C-alpha atoms as a PDB file:
ATOM      1  CA  MET A   1    -103.172 -31.885  25.124  1.00  0.00           C
ATOM      2  CA  VAL A   2    -101.330 -33.978  27.671  1.00  0.00           C
ATOM      3  CA  ASP A   3    -103.127 -35.881  30.085  1.00  0.00           C
ATOM      4  CA  ASP A   4    -101.870 -35.048  33.681  1.00  0.00           C
ATOM      5  CA  ASP A   5    -102.687 -38.630  35.307  1.00  0.00           C
ATOM      6  CA  ALA A   6    -100.975 -40.528  32.307  1.00  0.00           C
ATOM      7  CA  VAL A   7     -97.801 -37.964  32.700  1.00  0.00           C
ATOM      8  CA  ALA A   8     -97.657 -38.925  36.493  1.00  0.00           C
ATOM      9  CA  THR A   9     -98.483 -42.547  35.863  1.00  0.00           C
ATOM     10  CA  THR A  10     -95.267 -42.873  32.804  1.00  0.00           C
ATOM     11  CA  LEU A  11     -93.278 -40.288  36.084  1.00  0.00           C
ATOM     12  CA  ARG A  12     -93.656 -42.811  38.776  1.00  0.00           C
ATOM     13  CA  TYR A  13     -92.583 -46.491  36.644  1.00  0.00           C
ATOM     14  CA  TYR A  14     -89.377 -45.069  35.006  1.00  0.00           C
ATOM     15  CA  THR A  15     -88.639 -43.395  38.794  1.00  0.00           C
ATOM     16  CA  ASP A  16     -89.234 -46.818  40.351  1.00  0.00           C
ATOM     17  CA  ALA A  17     -87.049 -48.359  37.151  1.00  0.00           C
ATOM     18  CA  LEU A  18     -84.427 -46.249  38.081  1.00  0.00           C
ATOM     19  CA  GLY A  19     -84.322 -46.746  41.976  1.00  0.00           C
ATOM     20  CA  LYS A  20     -84.158 -50.333  40.874  1.00  0.00           C
ATOM     21  CA  ARG A  21     -81.013 -49.504  38.491  1.00  0.00           C
ATOM     22  CA  LEU A  22     -79.453 -46.957  41.425  1.00  0.00           C
ATOM     23  CA  THR A  23     -79.849 -49.658  44.148  1.00  0.00           C
ATOM     24  CA  GLY A  24     -78.150 -52.619  41.718  1.00  0.00           C
ATOM     25  CA  ALA A  25     -75.313 -49.701  41.311  1.00  0.00           C
ATOM     26  CA  ASN A  26     -74.856 -49.031  44.735  1.00  0.00           C
ATOM     27  CA  ARG A  27     -75.490 -45.349  44.067  1.00  0.00           C
ATOM     28  CA  PRO A  28     -77.755 -42.969  46.325  1.00  0.00           C
ATOM     29  CA  ALA A  29     -81.404 -42.352  46.173  1.00  0.00           C
ATOM     30  CA  LEU A  30     -82.163 -39.339  44.311  1.00  0.00           C
ATOM     31  CA  ARG A  31     -85.485 -37.252  44.396  1.00  0.00           C
ATOM     32  CA  ILE A  32     -87.042 -36.000  41.095  1.00  0.00           C
ATOM     33  CA  ARG A  33     -89.281 -32.740  41.393  1.00  0.00           C
ATOM     34  CA  ALA A  34     -91.363 -32.477  38.307  1.00  0.00           C
ATOM     35  CA  GLY A  35     -94.347 -29.847  38.101  1.00  0.00           C
ATOM     36  CA  GLY A  36     -95.686 -29.951  41.794  1.00  0.00           C
ATOM     37  CA  ASP A  37     -94.942 -33.460  42.268  1.00  0.00           C
ATOM     38  CA  GLU A  38     -92.075 -35.449  43.765  1.00  0.00           C
ATOM     39  CA  TYR A  39     -90.500 -38.792  43.464  1.00  0.00           C
ATOM     40  CA  LEU A  40     -88.173 -40.766  45.091  1.00  0.00           C
ATOM     41  CA  ALA A  41     -85.773 -43.391  43.361  1.00  0.00           C
ATOM     42  CA  GLY A  42     -83.991 -45.389  45.115  1.00  0.00           C
ATOM     43  CA  GLU A  43     -83.836 -46.093  48.808  1.00  0.00           C
ATOM     44  CA  GLY A  44     -82.633 -44.370  51.555  1.00  0.00           C
ATOM     45  CA  GLU A  45     -81.872 -40.149  52.137  1.00  0.00           C
ATOM     46  CA  PRO A  46     -81.802 -38.909  48.387  1.00  0.00           C
ATOM     47  CA  ALA A  47     -78.423 -37.259  48.064  1.00  0.00           C
ATOM     48  CA  ALA A  48     -79.554 -35.294  45.190  1.00  0.00           C
ATOM     49  CA  THR A  49     -82.802 -33.553  43.400  1.00  0.00           C
ATOM     50  CA  VAL A  50     -83.504 -32.922  39.803  1.00  0.00           C
ATOM     51  CA  SER A  51     -85.758 -31.023  39.074  1.00  0.00           C
ATOM     52  CA  ALA A  52     -87.486 -30.330  35.547  1.00  0.00           C
ATOM     53  CA  ASP A  53     -90.657 -29.877  33.700  1.00  0.00           C
ATOM     54  CA  PRO A  54     -92.979 -33.092  33.866  1.00  0.00           C
ATOM     55  CA  ILE A  55     -92.021 -33.934  30.037  1.00  0.00           C
ATOM     56  CA  ALA A  56     -88.824 -33.047  30.203  1.00  0.00           C
ATOM     57  CA  ALA A  57     -88.161 -35.455  32.929  1.00  0.00           C
ATOM     58  CA  ILE A  58     -89.654 -38.095  30.663  1.00  0.00           C
ATOM     59  CA  ARG A  59     -87.942 -37.446  27.880  1.00  0.00           C
ATOM     60  CA  ALA A  60     -84.534 -37.577  30.367  1.00  0.00           C
ATOM     61  CA  LEU A  61     -85.293 -40.911  31.813  1.00  0.00           C
ATOM     62  CA  THR A  62     -85.946 -42.698  28.561  1.00  0.00           C
ATOM     63  CA  GLY A  63     -83.232 -41.389  26.909  1.00  0.00           C
ATOM     64  CA  ARG A  64     -84.597 -38.705  24.395  1.00  0.00           C
ATOM     65  CA  ARG A  65     -81.700 -36.335  25.683  1.00  0.00           C
ATOM     66  CA  THR A  66     -78.181 -36.493  25.239  1.00  0.00           C
ATOM     67  CA  VAL A  67     -75.639 -36.929  28.954  1.00  0.00           C
ATOM     68  CA  ASP A  68     -75.214 -32.917  28.423  1.00  0.00           C
ATOM     69  CA  GLN A  69     -78.919 -32.326  28.134  1.00  0.00           C
ATOM     70  CA  ILE A  70     -79.426 -33.883  31.342  1.00  0.00           C
ATOM     71  CA  ARG A  71     -76.090 -32.144  33.216  1.00  0.00           C
ATOM     72  CA  GLU A  72     -78.349 -28.731  32.110  1.00  0.00           C
ATOM     73  CA  LEU A  73     -81.479 -29.877  34.385  1.00  0.00           C
ATOM     74  CA  ASP A  74     -81.797 -28.082  37.535  1.00  0.00           C
ATOM     75  CA  TRP A  75     -79.713 -30.114  39.935  1.00  0.00           C
ATOM     76  CA  ASP A  76     -79.040 -29.664  43.299  1.00  0.00           C
ATOM     77  CA  GLY A  77     -76.480 -32.566  44.126  1.00  0.00           C
ATOM     78  CA  ASP A  78     -73.636 -34.055  42.020  1.00  0.00           C
ATOM     79  CA  ALA A  79     -75.329 -35.494  39.042  1.00  0.00           C
ATOM     80  CA  GLU A  80     -72.535 -37.562  37.515  1.00  0.00           C
ATOM     81  CA  VAL A  81     -73.200 -39.674  40.267  1.00  0.00           C
ATOM     82  CA  TYR A  82     -76.312 -41.049  38.195  1.00  0.00           C
ATOM     83  CA  LEU A  83     -75.648 -40.041  34.820  1.00  0.00           C
ATOM     84  CA  GLU A  84     -74.427 -43.822  34.517  1.00  0.00           C
ATOM     85  CA  VAL A  85     -78.053 -45.269  35.384  1.00  0.00           C
ATOM     86  CA  PHE A  86     -80.105 -42.380  34.466  1.00  0.00           C
ATOM     87  CA  SER A  87     -81.780 -43.532  31.430  1.00  0.00           C
ATOM     88  CA  GLU A  88     -83.477 -46.594  30.896  1.00  0.00           C
ATOM     89  CA  TYR A  89     -82.622 -46.720  27.407  1.00  0.00           C
ATOM     90  CA  GLY A  90     -79.084 -45.013  27.107  1.00  0.00           C
ATOM     91  CA  TYR A  91     -79.243 -41.136  25.793  1.00  0.00           C
ATOM     92  CA  ALA A  92     -79.179 -40.045  22.695  1.00  0.00           C
ATOM     93  CA  ALA A  93     -76.655 -39.087  20.256  1.00  0.00           C
ATOM     94  CA  GLU A  94     -77.688 -35.926  19.444  1.00  0.00           C
ATOM     95  CA  GLN A  95     -79.443 -33.200  20.526  1.00  0.00           C
ATOM     96  CA  ILE A  96     -83.230 -33.756  20.217  1.00  0.00           C
ATOM     97  CA  GLU A  97     -85.356 -30.674  20.238  1.00  0.00           C
ATOM     98  CA  ASP A  98     -88.171 -29.933  21.656  1.00  0.00           C
ATOM     99  CA  ASP A  99     -91.220 -32.159  20.005  1.00  0.00           C
ATOM    100  CA  SER A 100     -93.947 -31.845  22.505  1.00  0.00           C
ATOM    101  CA  GLY A 101     -95.360 -28.915  20.461  1.00  0.00           C
ATOM    102  CA  GLY A 102     -94.441 -26.194  23.284  1.00  0.00           C
ATOM    103  CA  ARG A 103     -94.742 -28.703  25.913  1.00  0.00           C
END
């Protein structure tokens, strides 16, 4: 069972960390839609939005997905602007299958 409060807290943490990386790299803000919630990474008006299941968003932000898997998320805007700094820990070298037991 997934603790929704823990998921939201984790997403806030990694969105804030992404925001710092975006600001440091002089990239525009990014809106992240995860489930019914929205998170803003960076400063100013977001230039793009990425939407994903909350667990998928956490995996993407924490290096559990390849760059190609992140490109395949639901982007409204140019993903390429964000890919250099999107993941906190780099990217998976090979595709990692869903290890969530369905979630």
